[in-house]
Amino acid sequence: MARLEMVDVDAAGMGQAPAGADTFYELGMMYSIGRSVPTDLVSAHKWFNLAAMKGNPDAIRLRQEIAASMSPAEIAQAQRAARAFLTAH
């Protein structure tokens, strides 16, 4: 599987096809397990949240699992980050 970079997601907002659920799901996986990036549950929750909004059922489950290990403040931070991403893209 190809390595996903943040550049790919940013480029999707510049005239290319919009990033889909699979792209967001893979970013969530990267941050949840620390694949090629430092483990970051807030970022993982954000990307799983975006993938879930685009209809990925696995992202819904993983977002819930990650949320069980996060504080309410961290969950709120992840939700704000997802909203900010949607606003920007």
PDB file of N, CA and C in Angstrom:
ATOM      1  N   MET A   1       0.857  -1.178   0.000  1.00  0.00           N
ATOM      2  CA  MET A   1       0.000   0.000   0.000  1.00  0.00           C
ATOM      3  C   MET A   1       0.896   1.232   0.000  1.00  0.00           C
ATOM      4  N   ALA A   2       0.491   2.221  -0.699  1.00  0.00           N
ATOM      5  CA  ALA A   2       1.272   3.448  -0.812  1.00  0.00           C
ATOM      6  C   ALA A   2       1.301   4.200   0.504  1.00  0.00           C
ATOM      7  N   ARG A   3       2.393   4.829   0.761  1.00  0.00           N
ATOM      8  CA  ARG A   3       2.522   5.655   1.946  1.00  0.00           C
ATOM      9  C   ARG A   3       1.774   6.961   1.713  1.00  0.00           C
ATOM     10  N   LEU A   4       0.907   7.309   2.645  1.00  0.00           N
ATOM     11  CA  LEU A   4       0.127   8.535   2.514  1.00  0.00           C
ATOM     12  C   LEU A   4       0.850   9.679   3.204  1.00  0.00           C
ATOM     13  N   GLU A   5       0.851  10.780   2.579  1.00  0.00           N
ATOM     14  CA  GLU A   5       1.478  11.976   3.124  1.00  0.00           C
ATOM     15  C   GLU A   5       0.415  13.040   3.309  1.00  0.00           C
ATOM     16  N   MET A   6       0.635  13.958   4.219  1.00  0.00           N
ATOM     17  CA  MET A   6      -0.282  15.070   4.414  1.00  0.00           C
ATOM     18  C   MET A   6      -0.415  15.876   3.126  1.00  0.00           C
ATOM     19  N   VAL A   7       0.619  15.895   2.311  1.00  0.00           N
ATOM     20  CA  VAL A   7       0.576  16.626   1.057  1.00  0.00           C
ATOM     21  C   VAL A   7      -0.559  16.091   0.191  1.00  0.00           C
ATOM     22  N   ASP A   8      -0.801  14.774   0.210  1.00  0.00           N
ATOM     23  CA  ASP A   8      -1.868  14.176  -0.582  1.00  0.00           C
ATOM     24  C   ASP A   8      -3.221  14.741  -0.185  1.00  0.00           C
ATOM     25  N   VAL A   9      -3.479  14.875   1.097  1.00  0.00           N
ATOM     26  CA  VAL A   9      -4.751  15.407   1.576  1.00  0.00           C
ATOM     27  C   VAL A   9      -4.866  16.877   1.223  1.00  0.00           C
ATOM     28  N   ASP A  10      -3.799  17.635   1.406  1.00  0.00           N
ATOM     29  CA  ASP A  10      -3.830  19.055   1.074  1.00  0.00           C
ATOM     30  C   ASP A  10      -4.038  19.254  -0.419  1.00  0.00           C
ATOM     31  N   ALA A  11      -3.429  18.430  -1.254  1.00  0.00           N
ATOM     32  CA  ALA A  11      -3.568  18.567  -2.694  1.00  0.00           C
ATOM     33  C   ALA A  11      -4.994  18.280  -3.137  1.00  0.00           C
ATOM     34  N   ALA A  12      -5.701  17.466  -2.393  1.00  0.00           N
ATOM     35  CA  ALA A  12      -7.076  17.140  -2.753  1.00  0.00           C
ATOM     36  C   ALA A  12      -7.951  18.386  -2.757  1.00  0.00           C
ATOM     37  N   GLY A  13      -7.582  19.365  -1.964  1.00  0.00           N
ATOM     38  CA  GLY A  13      -8.355  20.591  -1.933  1.00  0.00           C
ATOM     39  C   GLY A  13      -7.946  21.581  -3.003  1.00  0.00           C
ATOM     40  N   MET A  14      -6.960  21.236  -3.839  1.00  0.00           N
ATOM     41  CA  MET A  14      -6.469  22.172  -4.847  1.00  0.00           C
ATOM     42  C   MET A  14      -6.771  21.691  -6.254  1.00  0.00           C
ATOM     43  N   GLY A  15      -8.024  21.292  -6.504  1.00  0.00           N
ATOM     44  CA  GLY A  15      -8.409  20.949  -7.850  1.00  0.00           C
ATOM     45  C   GLY A  15      -8.409  19.471  -8.162  1.00  0.00           C
ATOM     46  N   GLN A  16      -7.748  18.658  -7.362  1.00  0.00           N
ATOM     47  CA  GLN A  16      -7.791  17.223  -7.572  1.00  0.00           C
ATOM     48  C   GLN A  16      -9.066  16.686  -6.942  1.00  0.00           C
ATOM     49  N   ALA A  17      -9.331  15.418  -7.168  1.00  0.00           N
ATOM     50  CA  ALA A  17     -10.508  14.794  -6.558  1.00  0.00           C
ATOM     51  C   ALA A  17     -10.418  14.904  -5.044  1.00  0.00           C
ATOM     52  N   PRO A  18     -11.556  15.129  -4.383  1.00  0.00           N
ATOM     53  CA  PRO A  18     -11.529  15.234  -2.923  1.00  0.00           C
ATOM     54  C   PRO A  18     -11.056  13.934  -2.285  1.00  0.00           C
ATOM     55  N   ALA A  19     -10.353  14.073  -1.176  1.00  0.00           N
ATOM     56  CA  ALA A  19      -9.896  12.900  -0.443  1.00  0.00           C
ATOM     57  C   ALA A  19     -11.111  12.123   0.033  1.00  0.00           C
ATOM     58  N   GLY A  20     -11.024  10.813  -0.047  1.00  0.00           N
ATOM     59  CA  GLY A  20     -12.147   9.972   0.322  1.00  0.00           C
ATOM     60  C   GLY A  20     -11.969   9.324   1.685  1.00  0.00           C
ATOM     61  N   ALA A  21     -12.949   8.518   2.033  1.00  0.00           N
ATOM     62  CA  ALA A  21     -12.966   7.838   3.323  1.00  0.00           C
ATOM     63  C   ALA A  21     -11.724   6.974   3.513  1.00  0.00           C
ATOM     64  N   ASP A  22     -11.291   6.304   2.447  1.00  0.00           N
ATOM     65  CA  ASP A  22     -10.120   5.427   2.571  1.00  0.00           C
ATOM     66  C   ASP A  22      -8.855   6.199   2.912  1.00  0.00           C
ATOM     67  N   THR A  23      -8.690   7.367   2.320  1.00  0.00           N
ATOM     68  CA  THR A  23      -7.521   8.202   2.614  1.00  0.00           C
ATOM     69  C   THR A  23      -7.530   8.635   4.072  1.00  0.00           C
ATOM     70  N   PHE A  24      -8.680   9.112   4.543  1.00  0.00           N
ATOM     71  CA  PHE A  24      -8.791   9.538   5.932  1.00  0.00           C
ATOM     72  C   PHE A  24      -8.596   8.365   6.888  1.00  0.00           C
ATOM     73  N   TYR A  25      -9.145   7.206   6.527  1.00  0.00           N
ATOM     74  CA  TYR A  25      -8.989   6.007   7.354  1.00  0.00           C
ATOM     75  C   TYR A  25      -7.509   5.643   7.485  1.00  0.00           C
ATOM     76  N   GLU A  26      -6.791   5.648   6.367  1.00  0.00           N
ATOM     77  CA  GLU A  26      -5.365   5.312   6.415  1.00  0.00           C
ATOM     78  C   GLU A  26      -4.581   6.308   7.261  1.00  0.00           C
ATOM     79  N   LEU A  27      -4.925   7.589   7.189  1.00  0.00           N
ATOM     80  CA  LEU A  27      -4.262   8.573   8.052  1.00  0.00           C
ATOM     81  C   LEU A  27      -4.571   8.283   9.520  1.00  0.00           C
ATOM     82  N   GLY A  28      -5.800   7.911   9.819  1.00  0.00           N
ATOM     83  CA  GLY A  28      -6.150   7.528  11.185  1.00  0.00           C
ATOM     84  C   GLY A  28      -5.328   6.345  11.663  1.00  0.00           C
ATOM     85  N   MET A  29      -5.157   5.351  10.798  1.00  0.00           N
ATOM     86  CA  MET A  29      -4.340   4.187  11.151  1.00  0.00           C
ATOM     87  C   MET A  29      -2.896   4.596  11.401  1.00  0.00           C
ATOM     88  N   MET A  30      -2.369   5.461  10.522  1.00  0.00           N
ATOM     89  CA  MET A  30      -0.982   5.900  10.691  1.00  0.00           C
ATOM     90  C   MET A  30      -0.772   6.519  12.070  1.00  0.00           C
ATOM     91  N   TYR A  31      -1.659   7.429  12.457  1.00  0.00           N
ATOM     92  CA  TYR A  31      -1.484   8.123  13.733  1.00  0.00           C
ATOM     93  C   TYR A  31      -1.840   7.246  14.923  1.00  0.00           C
ATOM     94  N   SER A  32      -2.747   6.301  14.754  1.00  0.00           N
ATOM     95  CA  SER A  32      -3.139   5.465  15.891  1.00  0.00           C
ATOM     96  C   SER A  32      -2.063   4.459  16.267  1.00  0.00           C
ATOM     97  N   ILE A  33      -1.299   3.992  15.275  1.00  0.00           N
ATOM     98  CA  ILE A  33      -0.262   2.993  15.568  1.00  0.00           C
ATOM     99  C   ILE A  33       1.151   3.530  15.403  1.00  0.00           C
ATOM    100  N   GLY A  34       1.272   4.776  14.976  1.00  0.00           N
ATOM    101  CA  GLY A  34       2.598   5.367  14.823  1.00  0.00           C
ATOM    102  C   GLY A  34       3.331   4.848  13.604  1.00  0.00           C
ATOM    103  N   ARG A  35       2.616   4.618  12.517  1.00  0.00           N
ATOM    104  CA  ARG A  35       3.237   4.143  11.276  1.00  0.00           C
ATOM    105  C   ARG A  35       3.712   5.356  10.480  1.00  0.00           C
ATOM    106  N   SER A  36       5.016   5.539  10.415  1.00  0.00           N
ATOM    107  CA  SER A  36       5.679   6.632   9.686  1.00  0.00           C
ATOM    108  C   SER A  36       5.490   8.005  10.329  1.00  0.00           C
ATOM    109  N   VAL A  37       4.749   8.080  11.422  1.00  0.00           N
ATOM    110  CA  VAL A  37       4.534   9.324  12.174  1.00  0.00           C
ATOM    111  C   VAL A  37       4.495   8.970  13.652  1.00  0.00           C
ATOM    112  N   PRO A  38       4.727   9.934  14.539  1.00  0.00           N
ATOM    113  CA  PRO A  38       4.578   9.647  15.972  1.00  0.00           C
ATOM    114  C   PRO A  38       3.119   9.298  16.290  1.00  0.00           C
ATOM    115  N   THR A  39       2.904   8.377  17.207  1.00  0.00           N
ATOM    116  CA  THR A  39       1.553   8.042  17.653  1.00  0.00           C
ATOM    117  C   THR A  39       0.910   9.294  18.240  1.00  0.00           C
ATOM    118  N   ASP A  40      -0.305   9.581  17.791  1.00  0.00           N
ATOM    119  CA  ASP A  40      -1.028  10.781  18.229  1.00  0.00           C
ATOM    120  C   ASP A  40      -2.519  10.461  18.181  1.00  0.00           C
ATOM    121  N   LEU A  41      -3.103  10.172  19.348  1.00  0.00           N
ATOM    122  CA  LEU A  41      -4.505   9.774  19.395  1.00  0.00           C
ATOM    123  C   LEU A  41      -5.454  10.895  18.993  1.00  0.00           C
ATOM    124  N   VAL A  42      -5.090  12.136  19.270  1.00  0.00           N
ATOM    125  CA  VAL A  42      -5.937  13.259  18.869  1.00  0.00           C
ATOM    126  C   VAL A  42      -6.011  13.313  17.336  1.00  0.00           C
ATOM    127  N   SER A  43      -4.878  13.212  16.677  1.00  0.00           N
ATOM    128  CA  SER A  43      -4.867  13.213  15.213  1.00  0.00           C
ATOM    129  C   SER A  43      -5.567  11.979  14.655  1.00  0.00           C
ATOM    130  N   ALA A  44      -5.334  10.825  15.269  1.00  0.00           N
ATOM    131  CA  ALA A  44      -5.994   9.600  14.810  1.00  0.00           C
ATOM    132  C   ALA A  44      -7.509   9.735  14.911  1.00  0.00           C
ATOM    133  N   HIS A  45      -7.990  10.258  16.030  1.00  0.00           N
ATOM    134  CA  HIS A  45      -9.430  10.454  16.215  1.00  0.00           C
ATOM    135  C   HIS A  45      -9.965  11.401  15.142  1.00  0.00           C
ATOM    136  N   LYS A  46      -9.239  12.479  14.875  1.00  0.00           N
ATOM    137  CA  LYS A  46      -9.648  13.442  13.845  1.00  0.00           C
ATOM    138  C   LYS A  46      -9.821  12.749  12.501  1.00  0.00           C
ATOM    139  N   TRP A  47      -8.818  11.981  12.070  1.00  0.00           N
ATOM    140  CA  TRP A  47      -8.881  11.341  10.759  1.00  0.00           C
ATOM    141  C   TRP A  47      -9.944  10.249  10.720  1.00  0.00           C
ATOM    142  N   PHE A  48     -10.089   9.481  11.801  1.00  0.00           N
ATOM    143  CA  PHE A  48     -11.156   8.478  11.842  1.00  0.00           C
ATOM    144  C   PHE A  48     -12.519   9.151  11.818  1.00  0.00           C
ATOM    145  N   ASN A  49     -12.638  10.287  12.478  1.00  0.00           N
ATOM    146  CA  ASN A  49     -13.892  11.033  12.472  1.00  0.00           C
ATOM    147  C   ASN A  49     -14.246  11.458  11.037  1.00  0.00           C
ATOM    148  N   LEU A  50     -13.275  11.978  10.312  1.00  0.00           N
ATOM    149  CA  LEU A  50     -13.510  12.392   8.930  1.00  0.00           C
ATOM    150  C   LEU A  50     -13.852  11.192   8.043  1.00  0.00           C
ATOM    151  N   ALA A  51     -13.163  10.069   8.247  1.00  0.00           N
ATOM    152  CA  ALA A  51     -13.464   8.856   7.481  1.00  0.00           C
ATOM    153  C   ALA A  51     -14.869   8.351   7.804  1.00  0.00           C
ATOM    154  N   ALA A  52     -15.248   8.428   9.079  1.00  0.00           N
ATOM    155  CA  ALA A  52     -16.587   7.998   9.485  1.00  0.00           C
ATOM    156  C   ALA A  52     -17.655   8.869   8.833  1.00  0.00           C
ATOM    157  N   MET A  53     -17.401  10.163   8.763  1.00  0.00           N
ATOM    158  CA  MET A  53     -18.352  11.070   8.121  1.00  0.00           C
ATOM    159  C   MET A  53     -18.529  10.746   6.639  1.00  0.00           C
ATOM    160  N   LYS A  54     -17.489  10.167   6.038  1.00  0.00           N
ATOM    161  CA  LYS A  54     -17.565   9.802   4.623  1.00  0.00           C
ATOM    162  C   LYS A  54     -18.052   8.365   4.439  1.00  0.00           C
ATOM    163  N   GLY A  55     -18.456   7.714   5.555  1.00  0.00           N
ATOM    164  CA  GLY A  55     -19.108   6.411   5.451  1.00  0.00           C
ATOM    165  C   GLY A  55     -18.272   5.184   5.718  1.00  0.00           C
ATOM    166  N   ASN A  56     -17.074   5.309   6.251  1.00  0.00           N
ATOM    167  CA  ASN A  56     -16.251   4.141   6.536  1.00  0.00           C
ATOM    168  C   ASN A  56     -16.661   3.532   7.884  1.00  0.00           C
ATOM    169  N   PRO A  57     -17.273   2.334   7.889  1.00  0.00           N
ATOM    170  CA  PRO A  57     -17.744   1.745   9.149  1.00  0.00           C
ATOM    171  C   PRO A  57     -16.616   1.349  10.100  1.00  0.00           C
ATOM    172  N   ASP A  58     -15.458   0.950   9.563  1.00  0.00           N
ATOM    173  CA  ASP A  58     -14.325   0.603  10.434  1.00  0.00           C
ATOM    174  C   ASP A  58     -13.821   1.833  11.178  1.00  0.00           C
ATOM    175  N   ALA A  59     -13.873   2.984  10.532  1.00  0.00           N
ATOM    176  CA  ALA A  59     -13.435   4.227  11.175  1.00  0.00           C
ATOM    177  C   ALA A  59     -14.330   4.562  12.360  1.00  0.00           C
ATOM    178  N   ILE A  60     -15.620   4.288  12.234  1.00  0.00           N
ATOM    179  CA  ILE A  60     -16.552   4.547  13.341  1.00  0.00           C
ATOM    180  C   ILE A  60     -16.131   3.733  14.557  1.00  0.00           C
ATOM    181  N   ARG A  61     -15.865   2.446  14.341  1.00  0.00           N
ATOM    182  CA  ARG A  61     -15.471   1.554  15.441  1.00  0.00           C
ATOM    183  C   ARG A  61     -14.140   1.971  16.051  1.00  0.00           C
ATOM    184  N   LEU A  62     -13.153   2.268  15.214  1.00  0.00           N
ATOM    185  CA  LEU A  62     -11.835   2.633  15.729  1.00  0.00           C
ATOM    186  C   LEU A  62     -11.855   3.983  16.431  1.00  0.00           C
ATOM    187  N   ARG A  63     -12.654   4.902  15.935  1.00  0.00           N
ATOM    188  CA  ARG A  63     -12.794   6.202  16.615  1.00  0.00           C
ATOM    189  C   ARG A  63     -13.319   5.995  18.027  1.00  0.00           C
ATOM    190  N   GLN A  64     -14.287   5.105  18.181  1.00  0.00           N
ATOM    191  CA  GLN A  64     -14.842   4.812  19.509  1.00  0.00           C
ATOM    192  C   GLN A  64     -13.806   4.154  20.409  1.00  0.00           C
ATOM    193  N   GLU A  65     -13.025   3.237  19.850  1.00  0.00           N
ATOM    194  CA  GLU A  65     -11.984   2.570  20.641  1.00  0.00           C
ATOM    195  C   GLU A  65     -10.936   3.574  21.120  1.00  0.00           C
ATOM    196  N   ILE A  66     -10.521   4.445  20.245  1.00  0.00           N
ATOM    197  CA  ILE A  66      -9.519   5.449  20.615  1.00  0.00           C
ATOM    198  C   ILE A  66     -10.087   6.411  21.658  1.00  0.00           C
ATOM    199  N   ALA A  67     -11.336   6.806  21.486  1.00  0.00           N
ATOM    200  CA  ALA A  67     -11.962   7.751  22.417  1.00  0.00           C
ATOM    201  C   ALA A  67     -11.973   7.199  23.840  1.00  0.00           C
ATOM    202  N   ALA A  68     -12.040   5.880  23.984  1.00  0.00           N
ATOM    203  CA  ALA A  68     -12.033   5.270  25.318  1.00  0.00           C
ATOM    204  C   ALA A  68     -10.712   5.509  26.050  1.00  0.00           C
ATOM    205  N   SER A  69      -9.645   5.802  25.297  1.00  0.00           N
ATOM    206  CA  SER A  69      -8.322   6.061  25.888  1.00  0.00           C
ATOM    207  C   SER A  69      -7.991   7.541  25.975  1.00  0.00           C
ATOM    208  N   MET A  70      -8.943   8.385  25.603  1.00  0.00           N
ATOM    209  CA  MET A  70      -8.688   9.828  25.563  1.00  0.00           C
ATOM    210  C   MET A  70      -9.504  10.552  26.630  1.00  0.00           C
ATOM    211  N   SER A  71      -9.009  11.705  27.042  1.00  0.00           N
ATOM    212  CA  SER A  71      -9.754  12.555  27.971  1.00  0.00           C
ATOM    213  C   SER A  71     -10.824  13.318  27.193  1.00  0.00           C
ATOM    214  N   PRO A  72     -11.841  13.817  27.876  1.00  0.00           N
ATOM    215  CA  PRO A  72     -12.842  14.646  27.191  1.00  0.00           C
ATOM    216  C   PRO A  72     -12.214  15.853  26.480  1.00  0.00           C
ATOM    217  N   ALA A  73     -11.179  16.430  27.065  1.00  0.00           N
ATOM    218  CA  ALA A  73     -10.508  17.574  26.442  1.00  0.00           C
ATOM    219  C   ALA A  73      -9.816  17.160  25.143  1.00  0.00           C
ATOM    220  N   GLU A  74      -9.201  15.980  25.131  1.00  0.00           N
ATOM    221  CA  GLU A  74      -8.540  15.502  23.916  1.00  0.00           C
ATOM    222  C   GLU A  74      -9.564  15.206  22.814  1.00  0.00           C
ATOM    223  N   ILE A  75     -10.693  14.620  23.187  1.00  0.00           N
ATOM    224  CA  ILE A  75     -11.747  14.343  22.213  1.00  0.00           C
ATOM    225  C   ILE A  75     -12.264  15.650  21.617  1.00  0.00           C
ATOM    226  N   ALA A  76     -12.475  16.636  22.472  1.00  0.00           N
ATOM    227  CA  ALA A  76     -12.933  17.949  21.995  1.00  0.00           C
ATOM    228  C   ALA A  76     -11.907  18.568  21.053  1.00  0.00           C
ATOM    229  N   GLN A  77     -10.628  18.430  21.375  1.00  0.00           N
ATOM    230  CA  GLN A  77      -9.570  18.949  20.519  1.00  0.00           C
ATOM    231  C   GLN A  77      -9.600  18.262  19.154  1.00  0.00           C
ATOM    232  N   ALA A  78      -9.788  16.949  19.136  1.00  0.00           N
ATOM    233  CA  ALA A  78      -9.856  16.201  17.879  1.00  0.00           C
ATOM    234  C   ALA A  78     -11.068  16.623  17.055  1.00  0.00           C
ATOM    235  N   GLN A  79     -12.187  16.847  17.715  1.00  0.00           N
ATOM    236  CA  GLN A  79     -13.396  17.267  17.008  1.00  0.00           C
ATOM    237  C   GLN A  79     -13.225  18.663  16.415  1.00  0.00           C
ATOM    238  N   ARG A  80     -12.581  19.549  17.169  1.00  0.00           N
ATOM    239  CA  ARG A  80     -12.311  20.894  16.633  1.00  0.00           C
ATOM    240  C   ARG A  80     -11.394  20.809  15.414  1.00  0.00           C
ATOM    241  N   ALA A  81     -10.395  19.929  15.494  1.00  0.00           N
ATOM    242  CA  ALA A  81      -9.460  19.773  14.372  1.00  0.00           C
ATOM    243  C   ALA A  81     -10.177  19.231  13.135  1.00  0.00           C
ATOM    244  N   ALA A  82     -11.105  18.306  13.321  1.00  0.00           N
ATOM    245  CA  ALA A  82     -11.865  17.771  12.186  1.00  0.00           C
ATOM    246  C   ALA A  82     -12.731  18.866  11.562  1.00  0.00           C
ATOM    247  N   ARG A  83     -13.380  19.671  12.403  1.00  0.00           N
ATOM    248  CA  ARG A  83     -14.208  20.776  11.885  1.00  0.00           C
ATOM    249  C   ARG A  83     -13.335  21.778  11.135  1.00  0.00           C
ATOM    250  N   ALA A  84     -12.165  22.083  11.683  1.00  0.00           N
ATOM    251  CA  ALA A  84     -11.256  23.028  11.030  1.00  0.00           C
ATOM    252  C   ALA A  84     -10.809  22.499   9.678  1.00  0.00           C
ATOM    253  N   PHE A  85     -10.545  21.201   9.602  1.00  0.00           N
ATOM    254  CA  PHE A  85     -10.137  20.604   8.336  1.00  0.00           C
ATOM    255  C   PHE A  85     -11.268  20.745   7.320  1.00  0.00           C
ATOM    256  N   LEU A  86     -12.472  20.428   7.733  1.00  0.00           N
ATOM    257  CA  LEU A  86     -13.624  20.526   6.816  1.00  0.00           C
ATOM    258  C   LEU A  86     -13.838  21.962   6.344  1.00  0.00           C
ATOM    259  N   THR A  87     -13.639  22.904   7.232  1.00  0.00           N
ATOM    260  CA  THR A  87     -13.794  24.317   6.867  1.00  0.00           C
ATOM    261  C   THR A  87     -12.732  24.738   5.854  1.00  0.00           C
ATOM    262  N   ALA A  88     -11.516  24.264   6.046  1.00  0.00           N
ATOM    263  CA  ALA A  88     -10.404  24.640   5.165  1.00  0.00           C
ATOM    264  C   ALA A  88     -10.424  23.911   3.824  1.00  0.00           C
ATOM    265  N   HIS A  89     -11.066  22.735   3.793  1.00  0.00           N
ATOM    266  CA  HIS A  89     -11.037  21.932   2.570  1.00  0.00           C
ATOM    267  C   HIS A  89     -12.437  21.714   2.078  1.00  0.00           C
TER     268      HIS A  89
END
